[in-house]
Amino acid sequence: MQDAGQILQFLRPGGIPTALLIFLMAWLLVRVLQSVSEQLGNRLVDRRLTINQVVTILRFVIYIGAFAAAVPVIFALTDEMLIALGGTIAVTVGFALKDLAASIIAGITLLVDKPFQVGDRVTFDGHYGEIVSIGLRSVRLVTLDDNLVTIPNNKFLSDSVSCGNAGELNMLIQMDFYIGIDQDLPQAKQIAQEALTSSPYAYLDKPWAVLVNEVVHEQYFALRLRCKVYVMDVRYEKTLESDVTERLVAGFAQAGIQRPAMLYRKTPE
């Protein structure tokens, strides 16, 4: 109660509306920035991730600037106040907001270290999707089934995170297809190669490959064709997978290439 009384002693009630107005203006400015960045990202696709990164940094600057501007308006920052309440405020507020402070520091660390950025496809704690925002407190990730996942910033400092495209628009996609071990492998591999190179969503300026090995699939011996190709834009990840699959399945059907099945061999008499 004594600490609360000391804080109220230096409070400026008349400054509260002004402080609220400062935060409201900061919030509106951030909303405008986000709207402008979305429009620019749709027009300048090759610069979308860079635009998102700049907007993320500006959001931090705006919110921190708003906080710095609001504090002197709400409190009388005299020498007496700083001496009398410096320790009390540091302990009280620091204990109450330690998790928030840790998340803010972690957010700044994410911006400097750049393990990922807005627009990247990442896997974290079993969730996979696109980073849509890096805020003061948390990172927001939208999964491929359109679920919004909110993760505190400080979680990324202690746990591992996997980033698929690391700030680039293109990203390596891996798809596995299986055929019977008695099927025409050279023809199947050629069909897979044609499916990759003919897809309009494939980014062929980077290496692509069709790798083959023998595996046990669904308790059957099979030949696995592992197709690896870069997608031109991470937003077309599933579209590329669907397009390549349709082309490959149609090619297998036309060539009479069968899927894995149990084989019965006659033993010599």
C-alpha atoms as a PDB file:
ATOM      1  CA  MET A   1       0.000   0.000   0.000  1.00  0.00           C
ATOM      2  CA  GLN A   2       2.887   2.352   0.788  1.00  0.00           C
ATOM      3  CA  ASP A   3       4.440   1.685  -2.624  1.00  0.00           C
ATOM      4  CA  ALA A   4       1.128   2.352  -4.334  1.00  0.00           C
ATOM      5  CA  GLY A   5       0.780   5.620  -2.418  1.00  0.00           C
ATOM      6  CA  GLN A   6       4.258   6.709  -3.503  1.00  0.00           C
ATOM      7  CA  ILE A   7       3.456   5.985  -7.145  1.00  0.00           C
ATOM      8  CA  LEU A   8       0.129   7.853  -6.953  1.00  0.00           C
ATOM      9  CA  GLN A   9       1.950  10.810  -5.408  1.00  0.00           C
ATOM     10  CA  PHE A  10       3.775  11.448  -8.678  1.00  0.00           C
ATOM     11  CA  LEU A  11       0.876  10.513 -10.955  1.00  0.00           C
ATOM     12  CA  ARG A  12      -0.547  13.178 -13.250  1.00  0.00           C
ATOM     13  CA  PRO A  13      -4.244  12.313 -13.728  1.00  0.00           C
ATOM     14  CA  GLY A  14      -4.606  15.073 -16.298  1.00  0.00           C
ATOM     15  CA  GLY A  15      -1.992  13.410 -18.471  1.00  0.00           C
ATOM     16  CA  ILE A  16      -3.833  10.074 -18.758  1.00  0.00           C
ATOM     17  CA  PRO A  17      -6.062  11.141 -21.697  1.00  0.00           C
ATOM     18  CA  THR A  18      -2.993  12.463 -23.526  1.00  0.00           C
ATOM     19  CA  ALA A  19      -1.126   9.210 -22.893  1.00  0.00           C
ATOM     20  CA  LEU A  20      -4.082   7.192 -24.168  1.00  0.00           C
ATOM     21  CA  LEU A  21      -4.171   9.393 -27.261  1.00  0.00           C
ATOM     22  CA  ILE A  22      -0.461   8.703 -27.835  1.00  0.00           C
ATOM     23  CA  PHE A  23      -1.019   4.944 -27.665  1.00  0.00           C
ATOM     24  CA  LEU A  24      -4.077   5.216 -29.917  1.00  0.00           C
ATOM     25  CA  MET A  25      -2.104   7.155 -32.521  1.00  0.00           C
ATOM     26  CA  ALA A  26       0.689   4.581 -32.333  1.00  0.00           C
ATOM     27  CA  TRP A  27      -1.803   1.755 -32.836  1.00  0.00           C
ATOM     28  CA  LEU A  28      -3.419   3.504 -35.813  1.00  0.00           C
ATOM     29  CA  LEU A  29      -0.007   4.188 -37.358  1.00  0.00           C
ATOM     30  CA  VAL A  30       0.914   0.504 -37.037  1.00  0.00           C
ATOM     31  CA  ARG A  31      -2.364  -0.503 -38.678  1.00  0.00           C
ATOM     32  CA  VAL A  32      -1.690   1.866 -41.592  1.00  0.00           C
ATOM     33  CA  LEU A  33       1.827   0.474 -41.974  1.00  0.00           C
ATOM     34  CA  GLN A  34       0.492  -3.083 -42.069  1.00  0.00           C
ATOM     35  CA  SER A  35      -2.112  -2.175 -44.681  1.00  0.00           C
ATOM     36  CA  VAL A  36       0.459  -0.387 -46.848  1.00  0.00           C
ATOM     37  CA  SER A  37       2.935  -3.271 -46.513  1.00  0.00           C
ATOM     38  CA  GLU A  38       0.308  -5.795 -47.634  1.00  0.00           C
ATOM     39  CA  GLN A  39      -0.504  -3.720 -50.724  1.00  0.00           C
ATOM     40  CA  LEU A  40       3.180  -3.226 -51.567  1.00  0.00           C
ATOM     41  CA  GLY A  41       3.876  -6.918 -50.966  1.00  0.00           C
ATOM     42  CA  ASN A  42       1.166  -7.895 -53.440  1.00  0.00           C
ATOM     43  CA  ARG A  43       2.542  -5.513 -56.059  1.00  0.00           C
ATOM     44  CA  LEU A  44       6.267  -6.101 -55.458  1.00  0.00           C
ATOM     45  CA  VAL A  45       6.280  -9.839 -54.851  1.00  0.00           C
ATOM     46  CA  ASP A  46      10.052 -10.202 -55.033  1.00  0.00           C
ATOM     47  CA  ARG A  47      10.442  -7.556 -52.285  1.00  0.00           C
ATOM     48  CA  ARG A  48       7.623  -8.813 -50.044  1.00  0.00           C
ATOM     49  CA  LEU A  49       9.840 -10.324 -47.338  1.00  0.00           C
ATOM     50  CA  THR A  50      12.055  -7.233 -47.204  1.00  0.00           C
ATOM     51  CA  ILE A  51       9.006  -4.990 -46.852  1.00  0.00           C
ATOM     52  CA  ASN A  52       7.682  -7.189 -44.041  1.00  0.00           C
ATOM     53  CA  GLN A  53      11.021  -7.008 -42.233  1.00  0.00           C
ATOM     54  CA  VAL A  54      11.133  -3.190 -42.441  1.00  0.00           C
ATOM     55  CA  VAL A  55       7.552  -2.902 -41.161  1.00  0.00           C
ATOM     56  CA  THR A  56       8.365  -5.225 -38.246  1.00  0.00           C
ATOM     57  CA  ILE A  57      11.275  -3.008 -37.181  1.00  0.00           C
ATOM     58  CA  LEU A  58       9.122   0.119 -37.543  1.00  0.00           C
ATOM     59  CA  ARG A  59       6.457  -1.453 -35.306  1.00  0.00           C
ATOM     60  CA  PHE A  60       9.015  -1.904 -32.549  1.00  0.00           C
ATOM     61  CA  VAL A  61      10.220   1.690 -32.940  1.00  0.00           C
ATOM     62  CA  ILE A  62       6.675   3.090 -32.873  1.00  0.00           C
ATOM     63  CA  TYR A  63       5.560   1.167 -29.776  1.00  0.00           C
ATOM     64  CA  ILE A  64       8.745   1.872 -27.834  1.00  0.00           C
ATOM     65  CA  GLY A  65       8.591   5.544 -28.863  1.00  0.00           C
ATOM     66  CA  ALA A  66       4.952   5.766 -27.755  1.00  0.00           C
ATOM     67  CA  PHE A  67       5.838   4.282 -24.368  1.00  0.00           C
ATOM     68  CA  ALA A  68       8.750   6.691 -23.937  1.00  0.00           C
ATOM     69  CA  ALA A  69       6.508   9.644 -24.851  1.00  0.00           C
ATOM     70  CA  ALA A  70       3.645   8.579 -22.563  1.00  0.00           C
ATOM     71  CA  VAL A  71       5.629   8.033 -19.352  1.00  0.00           C
ATOM     72  CA  PRO A  72       6.623  11.711 -18.815  1.00  0.00           C
ATOM     73  CA  VAL A  73       3.037  12.719 -19.537  1.00  0.00           C
ATOM     74  CA  ILE A  74       1.594  10.414 -16.856  1.00  0.00           C
ATOM     75  CA  PHE A  75       4.295  10.795 -14.191  1.00  0.00           C
ATOM     76  CA  ALA A  76       6.161  13.829 -12.867  1.00  0.00           C
ATOM     77  CA  LEU A  77       9.732  12.704 -13.498  1.00  0.00           C
ATOM     78  CA  THR A  78      11.412  14.915 -10.903  1.00  0.00           C
ATOM     79  CA  ASP A  79      14.720  14.150  -9.243  1.00  0.00           C
ATOM     80  CA  GLU A  80      12.872  13.433  -6.005  1.00  0.00           C
ATOM     81  CA  MET A  81      10.650  10.888  -7.719  1.00  0.00           C
ATOM     82  CA  LEU A  82      13.560   9.139  -9.379  1.00  0.00           C
ATOM     83  CA  ILE A  83      15.459   8.915  -6.100  1.00  0.00           C
ATOM     84  CA  ALA A  84      12.483   7.933  -3.942  1.00  0.00           C
ATOM     85  CA  LEU A  85      10.788   5.506  -6.291  1.00  0.00           C
ATOM     86  CA  GLY A  86      13.576   4.299  -8.525  1.00  0.00           C
ATOM     87  CA  GLY A  87      14.261   1.171  -6.543  1.00  0.00           C
ATOM     88  CA  THR A  88      10.619   0.538  -5.653  1.00  0.00           C
ATOM     89  CA  ILE A  89       9.373   0.864  -9.210  1.00  0.00           C
ATOM     90  CA  ALA A  90      12.206  -1.230 -10.575  1.00  0.00           C
ATOM     91  CA  VAL A  91      11.466  -4.092  -8.181  1.00  0.00           C
ATOM     92  CA  THR A  92       7.653  -3.905  -8.326  1.00  0.00           C
ATOM     93  CA  VAL A  93       7.225  -3.328 -12.031  1.00  0.00           C
ATOM     94  CA  GLY A  94      10.151  -5.562 -12.901  1.00  0.00           C
ATOM     95  CA  PHE A  95       8.654  -8.480 -10.972  1.00  0.00           C
ATOM     96  CA  ALA A  96       5.183  -7.923 -12.423  1.00  0.00           C
ATOM     97  CA  LEU A  97       6.392  -7.512 -15.981  1.00  0.00           C
ATOM     98  CA  LYS A  98       9.423  -9.788 -16.022  1.00  0.00           C
ATOM     99  CA  ASP A  99       7.887 -12.130 -18.597  1.00  0.00           C
ATOM    100  CA  LEU A 100       6.830  -9.203 -20.777  1.00  0.00           C
ATOM    101  CA  ALA A 101      10.270  -7.609 -20.494  1.00  0.00           C
ATOM    102  CA  ALA A 102      11.906 -10.928 -21.374  1.00  0.00           C
ATOM    103  CA  SER A 103       9.664 -11.258 -24.434  1.00  0.00           C
ATOM    104  CA  ILE A 104      10.459  -7.702 -25.571  1.00  0.00           C
ATOM    105  CA  ILE A 105      14.199  -8.301 -25.250  1.00  0.00           C
ATOM    106  CA  ALA A 106      13.769 -11.637 -27.037  1.00  0.00           C
ATOM    107  CA  GLY A 107      11.827  -9.882 -29.822  1.00  0.00           C
ATOM    108  CA  ILE A 108      14.670  -7.415 -30.321  1.00  0.00           C
ATOM    109  CA  THR A 109      17.090 -10.356 -30.350  1.00  0.00           C
ATOM    110  CA  LEU A 110      15.018 -12.032 -33.074  1.00  0.00           C
ATOM    111  CA  LEU A 111      15.211  -8.890 -35.202  1.00  0.00           C
ATOM    112  CA  VAL A 112      18.995  -8.661 -34.794  1.00  0.00           C
ATOM    113  CA  ASP A 113      19.890 -12.359 -35.007  1.00  0.00           C
ATOM    114  CA  LYS A 114      17.279 -13.109 -37.720  1.00  0.00           C
ATOM    115  CA  PRO A 115      16.691 -16.856 -37.277  1.00  0.00           C
ATOM    116  CA  PHE A 116      13.562 -16.080 -39.312  1.00  0.00           C
ATOM    117  CA  GLN A 117      11.540 -13.076 -40.434  1.00  0.00           C
ATOM    118  CA  VAL A 118       7.985 -12.179 -41.372  1.00  0.00           C
ATOM    119  CA  GLY A 119       6.947 -14.233 -44.398  1.00  0.00           C
ATOM    120  CA  ASP A 120       9.212 -17.203 -43.632  1.00  0.00           C
ATOM    121  CA  ARG A 121       7.912 -20.761 -43.337  1.00  0.00           C
ATOM    122  CA  VAL A 122       9.034 -22.248 -40.008  1.00  0.00           C
ATOM    123  CA  THR A 123       8.496 -25.313 -37.862  1.00  0.00           C
ATOM    124  CA  PHE A 124       8.341 -24.750 -34.103  1.00  0.00           C
ATOM    125  CA  ASP A 125       7.059 -26.998 -31.329  1.00  0.00           C
ATOM    126  CA  GLY A 126       5.078 -29.159 -33.748  1.00  0.00           C
ATOM    127  CA  HIS A 127       3.561 -26.202 -35.608  1.00  0.00           C
ATOM    128  CA  TYR A 128       4.396 -25.447 -39.256  1.00  0.00           C
ATOM    129  CA  GLY A 129       3.321 -22.343 -41.104  1.00  0.00           C
ATOM    130  CA  GLU A 130       4.115 -18.772 -42.136  1.00  0.00           C
ATOM    131  CA  ILE A 131       5.323 -16.075 -39.744  1.00  0.00           C
ATOM    132  CA  VAL A 132       2.825 -13.218 -40.099  1.00  0.00           C
ATOM    133  CA  SER A 133       4.089 -10.891 -37.348  1.00  0.00           C
ATOM    134  CA  ILE A 134       6.890 -10.423 -34.823  1.00  0.00           C
ATOM    135  CA  GLY A 135       5.514  -8.259 -32.026  1.00  0.00           C
ATOM    136  CA  LEU A 136       6.761  -6.850 -28.736  1.00  0.00           C
ATOM    137  CA  ARG A 137       5.444  -9.848 -26.815  1.00  0.00           C
ATOM    138  CA  SER A 138       4.941 -12.705 -29.243  1.00  0.00           C
ATOM    139  CA  VAL A 139       5.367 -14.158 -32.709  1.00  0.00           C
ATOM    140  CA  ARG A 140       2.266 -15.083 -34.686  1.00  0.00           C
ATOM    141  CA  LEU A 141       2.319 -18.033 -37.048  1.00  0.00           C
ATOM    142  CA  VAL A 142      -0.468 -19.093 -39.409  1.00  0.00           C
ATOM    143  CA  THR A 143      -0.518 -22.821 -40.134  1.00  0.00           C
ATOM    144  CA  LEU A 144      -1.368 -24.245 -43.546  1.00  0.00           C
ATOM    145  CA  ASP A 145      -4.871 -25.099 -42.302  1.00  0.00           C
ATOM    146  CA  ASP A 146      -5.361 -21.405 -41.364  1.00  0.00           C
ATOM    147  CA  ASN A 147      -4.935 -21.668 -37.598  1.00  0.00           C
ATOM    148  CA  LEU A 148      -3.299 -18.719 -35.829  1.00  0.00           C
ATOM    149  CA  VAL A 149      -0.618 -19.804 -33.332  1.00  0.00           C
ATOM    150  CA  THR A 150       0.751 -17.229 -30.857  1.00  0.00           C
ATOM    151  CA  ILE A 151       4.191 -18.008 -29.412  1.00  0.00           C
ATOM    152  CA  PRO A 152       5.973 -15.863 -26.751  1.00  0.00           C
ATOM    153  CA  ASN A 153       9.196 -14.399 -28.102  1.00  0.00           C
ATOM    154  CA  ASN A 154      11.372 -15.815 -25.312  1.00  0.00           C
ATOM    155  CA  LYS A 155      10.446 -19.377 -26.336  1.00  0.00           C
ATOM    156  CA  PHE A 156      12.612 -18.980 -29.437  1.00  0.00           C
ATOM    157  CA  LEU A 157      15.697 -18.284 -27.315  1.00  0.00           C
ATOM    158  CA  SER A 158      15.640 -21.702 -25.644  1.00  0.00           C
ATOM    159  CA  ASP A 159      13.968 -24.018 -28.193  1.00  0.00           C
ATOM    160  CA  SER A 160      15.024 -25.028 -31.696  1.00  0.00           C
ATOM    161  CA  VAL A 161      13.233 -23.565 -34.700  1.00  0.00           C
ATOM    162  CA  SER A 162      13.497 -24.729 -38.317  1.00  0.00           C
ATOM    163  CA  CYS A 163      13.192 -22.159 -41.117  1.00  0.00           C
ATOM    164  CA  GLY A 164      12.466 -23.415 -44.628  1.00  0.00           C
ATOM    165  CA  ASN A 165      13.307 -20.378 -46.776  1.00  0.00           C
ATOM    166  CA  ALA A 166      15.455 -18.128 -44.508  1.00  0.00           C
ATOM    167  CA  GLY A 167      14.331 -14.802 -45.925  1.00  0.00           C
ATOM    168  CA  GLU A 168      13.996 -15.902 -49.572  1.00  0.00           C
ATOM    169  CA  LEU A 169      10.830 -16.317 -51.596  1.00  0.00           C
ATOM    170  CA  ASN A 170      11.826 -19.738 -52.957  1.00  0.00           C
ATOM    171  CA  MET A 171      12.019 -22.864 -50.790  1.00  0.00           C
ATOM    172  CA  LEU A 172      13.031 -26.483 -51.314  1.00  0.00           C
ATOM    173  CA  ILE A 173      10.079 -28.894 -51.477  1.00  0.00           C
ATOM    174  CA  GLN A 174      10.458 -32.650 -51.078  1.00  0.00           C
ATOM    175  CA  MET A 175       7.856 -35.143 -52.302  1.00  0.00           C
ATOM    176  CA  ASP A 176       7.979 -38.939 -52.135  1.00  0.00           C
ATOM    177  CA  PHE A 177       6.304 -41.321 -54.599  1.00  0.00           C
ATOM    178  CA  TYR A 178       6.379 -45.132 -54.513  1.00  0.00           C
ATOM    179  CA  ILE A 179       6.233 -47.736 -57.259  1.00  0.00           C
ATOM    180  CA  GLY A 180       6.550 -51.516 -57.268  1.00  0.00           C
ATOM    181  CA  ILE A 181      10.051 -52.958 -57.401  1.00  0.00           C
ATOM    182  CA  ASP A 182       9.177 -54.823 -60.629  1.00  0.00           C
ATOM    183  CA  GLN A 183       8.129 -51.661 -62.504  1.00  0.00           C
ATOM    184  CA  ASP A 184      10.001 -49.761 -65.217  1.00  0.00           C
ATOM    185  CA  LEU A 185      12.249 -47.552 -63.067  1.00  0.00           C
ATOM    186  CA  PRO A 186      13.949 -45.524 -65.841  1.00  0.00           C
ATOM    187  CA  GLN A 187      10.583 -44.585 -67.337  1.00  0.00           C
ATOM    188  CA  ALA A 188       9.130 -43.770 -63.913  1.00  0.00           C
ATOM    189  CA  LYS A 189      12.109 -41.526 -63.152  1.00  0.00           C
ATOM    190  CA  GLN A 190      11.721 -39.752 -66.493  1.00  0.00           C
ATOM    191  CA  ILE A 191       8.033 -39.117 -65.797  1.00  0.00           C
ATOM    192  CA  ALA A 192       8.930 -37.668 -62.372  1.00  0.00           C
ATOM    193  CA  GLN A 193      11.568 -35.400 -63.921  1.00  0.00           C
ATOM    194  CA  GLU A 194       9.115 -34.130 -66.516  1.00  0.00           C
ATOM    195  CA  ALA A 195       6.514 -33.486 -63.815  1.00  0.00           C
ATOM    196  CA  LEU A 196       8.986 -31.296 -61.910  1.00  0.00           C
ATOM    197  CA  THR A 197      10.335 -29.338 -64.856  1.00  0.00           C
ATOM    198  CA  SER A 198       6.942 -28.698 -66.468  1.00  0.00           C
ATOM    199  CA  SER A 199       5.249 -27.320 -63.337  1.00  0.00           C
ATOM    200  CA  PRO A 200       4.720 -23.537 -63.587  1.00  0.00           C
ATOM    201  CA  TYR A 201       5.322 -23.218 -59.826  1.00  0.00           C
ATOM    202  CA  ALA A 202       8.808 -24.767 -59.870  1.00  0.00           C
ATOM    203  CA  TYR A 203      11.870 -22.530 -59.500  1.00  0.00           C
ATOM    204  CA  LEU A 204      14.395 -24.227 -61.776  1.00  0.00           C
ATOM    205  CA  ASP A 205      17.210 -21.701 -61.312  1.00  0.00           C
ATOM    206  CA  LYS A 206      18.224 -23.789 -58.305  1.00  0.00           C
ATOM    207  CA  PRO A 207      19.176 -27.494 -58.411  1.00  0.00           C
ATOM    208  CA  TRP A 208      16.412 -30.083 -58.572  1.00  0.00           C
ATOM    209  CA  ALA A 209      16.651 -33.865 -58.481  1.00  0.00           C
ATOM    210  CA  VAL A 210      14.807 -37.180 -58.486  1.00  0.00           C
ATOM    211  CA  LEU A 211      16.526 -39.629 -56.136  1.00  0.00           C
ATOM    212  CA  VAL A 212      15.742 -43.359 -56.051  1.00  0.00           C
ATOM    213  CA  ASN A 213      16.218 -45.993 -53.374  1.00  0.00           C
ATOM    214  CA  GLU A 214      14.605 -49.252 -52.289  1.00  0.00           C
ATOM    215  CA  VAL A 215      12.479 -49.126 -49.125  1.00  0.00           C
ATOM    216  CA  VAL A 216       9.796 -51.027 -47.268  1.00  0.00           C
ATOM    217  CA  HIS A 217       6.551 -49.092 -47.692  1.00  0.00           C
ATOM    218  CA  GLU A 218       3.327 -50.275 -46.047  1.00  0.00           C
ATOM    219  CA  GLN A 219       5.007 -53.670 -45.445  1.00  0.00           C
ATOM    220  CA  TYR A 220       5.805 -53.979 -49.165  1.00  0.00           C
ATOM    221  CA  PHE A 221       9.183 -53.707 -50.839  1.00  0.00           C
ATOM    222  CA  ALA A 222       9.040 -50.625 -53.055  1.00  0.00           C
ATOM    223  CA  LEU A 223      11.086 -48.147 -55.053  1.00  0.00           C
ATOM    224  CA  ARG A 224      10.869 -44.629 -53.648  1.00  0.00           C
ATOM    225  CA  LEU A 225      11.227 -41.670 -55.998  1.00  0.00           C
ATOM    226  CA  ARG A 226      12.142 -38.648 -53.888  1.00  0.00           C
ATOM    227  CA  CYS A 227      11.461 -35.481 -55.887  1.00  0.00           C
ATOM    228  CA  LYS A 228      13.276 -32.352 -54.718  1.00  0.00           C
ATOM    229  CA  VAL A 229      12.584 -28.977 -56.320  1.00  0.00           C
ATOM    230  CA  TYR A 230      12.339 -25.335 -55.238  1.00  0.00           C
ATOM    231  CA  VAL A 231       8.974 -23.582 -55.314  1.00  0.00           C
ATOM    232  CA  MET A 232       9.069 -20.091 -56.849  1.00  0.00           C
ATOM    233  CA  ASP A 233       7.126 -18.559 -53.901  1.00  0.00           C
ATOM    234  CA  VAL A 234       6.509 -20.169 -50.511  1.00  0.00           C
ATOM    235  CA  ARG A 235       2.821 -19.291 -50.802  1.00  0.00           C
ATOM    236  CA  TYR A 236       2.592 -21.801 -53.666  1.00  0.00           C
ATOM    237  CA  GLU A 237       4.061 -24.658 -51.623  1.00  0.00           C
ATOM    238  CA  LYS A 238       0.958 -26.849 -51.580  1.00  0.00           C
ATOM    239  CA  THR A 239      -0.058 -25.770 -55.077  1.00  0.00           C
ATOM    240  CA  LEU A 240       3.279 -27.033 -56.384  1.00  0.00           C
ATOM    241  CA  GLU A 241       2.883 -30.343 -54.541  1.00  0.00           C
ATOM    242  CA  SER A 242      -0.619 -30.799 -55.957  1.00  0.00           C
ATOM    243  CA  ASP A 243       0.431 -29.884 -59.503  1.00  0.00           C
ATOM    244  CA  VAL A 244       3.440 -32.224 -59.536  1.00  0.00           C
ATOM    245  CA  THR A 245       1.394 -35.059 -58.030  1.00  0.00           C
ATOM    246  CA  GLU A 246      -1.335 -34.722 -60.670  1.00  0.00           C
ATOM    247  CA  ARG A 247       1.212 -34.713 -63.491  1.00  0.00           C
ATOM    248  CA  LEU A 248       3.104 -37.692 -62.073  1.00  0.00           C
ATOM    249  CA  VAL A 249      -0.004 -39.792 -61.350  1.00  0.00           C
ATOM    250  CA  ALA A 250      -1.317 -39.165 -64.869  1.00  0.00           C
ATOM    251  CA  GLY A 251       2.061 -40.094 -66.330  1.00  0.00           C
ATOM    252  CA  PHE A 252       2.252 -43.327 -64.300  1.00  0.00           C
ATOM    253  CA  ALA A 253      -1.259 -44.284 -65.374  1.00  0.00           C
ATOM    254  CA  GLN A 254      -0.515 -43.664 -69.047  1.00  0.00           C
ATOM    255  CA  ALA A 255       2.705 -45.682 -68.868  1.00  0.00           C
ATOM    256  CA  GLY A 256       1.084 -48.504 -66.880  1.00  0.00           C
ATOM    257  CA  ILE A 257       3.437 -48.099 -63.916  1.00  0.00           C
ATOM    258  CA  GLN A 258       1.939 -49.734 -60.824  1.00  0.00           C
ATOM    259  CA  ARG A 259       2.142 -48.924 -57.142  1.00  0.00           C
ATOM    260  CA  PRO A 260       3.809 -51.283 -54.627  1.00  0.00           C
ATOM    261  CA  ALA A 261       2.090 -54.636 -54.113  1.00  0.00           C
ATOM    262  CA  MET A 262       2.829 -58.057 -52.635  1.00  0.00           C
ATOM    263  CA  LEU A 263       4.780 -60.145 -55.113  1.00  0.00           C
ATOM    264  CA  TYR A 264       4.442 -63.918 -55.279  1.00  0.00           C
ATOM    265  CA  ARG A 265       7.385 -65.792 -56.676  1.00  0.00           C
ATOM    266  CA  LYS A 266       7.430 -69.428 -57.728  1.00  0.00           C
ATOM    267  CA  THR A 267      10.107 -71.532 -56.106  1.00  0.00           C
ATOM    268  CA  PRO A 268      12.092 -73.814 -58.435  1.00  0.00           C
ATOM    269  CA  GLU A 269      10.965 -77.435 -58.339  1.00  0.00           C
END
